[in-house]
Protein backbone atom coordinates (compact mmCIF):
# COMPACT_ATOMS: atom_id res chain seq x y z
CA MET A 1 7.95 226.78 27.08
CA PHE A 2 7.79 224.50 24.03
CA LYS A 3 5.08 221.78 24.06
CA PHE A 4 4.65 218.64 21.97
CA SER A 5 2.67 215.41 22.03
CA PRO A 6 4.64 212.17 21.87
CA LYS A 7 3.90 210.05 18.78
CA SER A 8 4.15 206.75 20.63
CA ARG A 9 2.21 205.67 23.70
CA LEU A 10 4.22 206.58 26.79
CA THR A 11 2.70 205.28 30.03
CA VAL A 12 3.48 206.55 33.52
CA ARG A 13 3.74 204.27 36.56
CA THR A 14 4.83 204.79 40.12
CA LYS A 15 7.87 202.95 41.40
CA SER A 16 5.55 200.54 43.24
CA GLY A 17 3.68 199.76 39.99
CA THR A 18 0.50 201.88 40.04
CA LEU A 19 -0.49 203.00 36.54
CA LEU A 20 -1.10 206.76 36.58
CA GLY A 21 -1.91 207.27 32.92
CA VAL A 22 -0.50 208.15 29.51
CA VAL A 23 1.64 211.16 28.57
CA ILE A 24 -0.36 213.52 26.37
CA THR A 25 2.01 216.51 26.33
CA VAL A 26 5.69 217.08 27.04
CA GLU A 27 6.80 220.59 28.02
CA VAL A 28 10.40 221.55 27.24
CA ASP A 29 12.20 224.59 28.65
CA GLN A 30 13.33 226.48 25.54
CA ALA A 31 16.25 228.14 27.32
CA THR A 32 17.84 224.88 28.49
CA GLY A 33 16.37 222.36 26.02
CA ARG A 34 15.46 220.09 28.92
CA ILE A 35 12.14 218.41 29.66
CA ASP A 36 10.32 220.31 32.38
CA THR A 37 6.90 218.68 32.74
CA PHE A 38 4.85 215.73 31.51
CA LEU A 39 1.08 216.21 31.31
CA VAL A 40 -0.58 212.86 31.88
CA ALA A 41 -4.13 211.80 31.03
CA ALA A 42 -5.30 209.99 34.14
CA SER A 43 -5.70 206.24 34.18
CA ARG A 44 -9.16 204.82 34.80
CA VAL A 45 -8.53 204.82 38.55
CA LEU A 46 -7.76 208.54 38.66
CA SER A 47 -10.18 209.53 35.88
CA VAL A 48 -13.09 208.31 37.99
CA ILE A 49 -12.18 211.03 40.48
CA SER A 50 -11.34 213.78 38.00
CA ASP A 51 -11.05 214.34 34.26
CA LYS A 52 -8.10 216.70 34.70
CA SER A 53 -4.58 215.89 33.58
CA LEU A 54 -1.79 215.27 36.05
CA ALA A 55 1.38 217.40 35.78
CA ILE A 56 4.56 215.51 36.59
CA ASN A 57 7.77 217.47 36.98
CA TRP A 58 11.01 216.06 35.61
CA SER A 59 12.42 215.92 39.17
CA GLN A 60 9.78 213.28 40.04
CA VAL A 61 10.98 210.86 37.33
CA VAL A 62 13.13 208.01 38.70
CA ASP A 63 13.50 205.95 35.49
CA TRP A 64 12.59 206.16 31.81
CA GLN A 65 12.29 203.06 29.68
CA ASP A 66 11.32 202.77 25.99
CA ASP A 67 7.57 203.07 26.49
CA GLU A 68 7.20 203.89 30.17
CA ILE A 69 8.19 206.55 32.68
CA ILE A 70 8.62 205.51 36.30
CA VAL A 71 7.94 208.21 38.89
CA ALA A 72 8.33 208.41 42.66
CA ASP A 73 5.54 206.80 44.69
CA ALA A 74 4.80 210.20 46.24
CA VAL A 75 3.35 211.33 42.88
CA GLU A 76 0.31 209.06 43.38
CA SER A 77 -0.59 210.50 46.78
CA GLN A 78 0.18 214.03 45.53
CA ALA A 79 -2.23 213.49 42.62
CA ALA A 80 -4.98 212.36 44.98
CA VAL A 81 -4.45 215.43 47.18
CA ASN A 82 -4.39 217.79 44.19
CA ILE A 83 -7.59 216.32 42.83
CA ALA A 84 -9.29 216.53 46.22
CA VAL A 85 -8.24 220.16 46.66
CA ALA A 86 -9.24 221.10 43.09
CA THR A 87 -12.71 219.58 43.45
CA PRO A 88 -15.02 222.15 45.03
CA VAL A 89 -17.38 220.93 47.69
CA THR A 90 -20.86 222.38 47.36
CA PRO A 91 -23.09 222.42 50.41
CA SER A 92 -26.34 220.54 49.99
CA VAL A 93 -28.38 223.24 51.71
CA GLN A 94 -27.97 226.90 50.90
CA MET A 95 -28.19 229.49 53.69
CA SER A 96 -31.29 231.10 52.16
CA GLU A 97 -33.10 227.73 52.19
CA ARG A 98 -32.62 227.36 55.96
CA GLN A 99 -34.29 230.67 56.81
């Protein structure tokens, strides 16, 4: 996999208009020469929940304009689920404290 950072600002929005963030890395499959994945730094809305980047597969892209990628609306709900699953929940009371 070949990776590079775009020189210009490339934002990512869902089809319904929600800003997801800015592309920080593009991953290209070296065998085919095709874009495989966009790594996106989360917008302020998503960054409040997590500081992790969002991986968007090429198959989720529905349109690409000069400075913006439009992705399927399902990407937004998928990102929220992935962030929720990746965030460990720590119990407030440990078992040894109860005894």
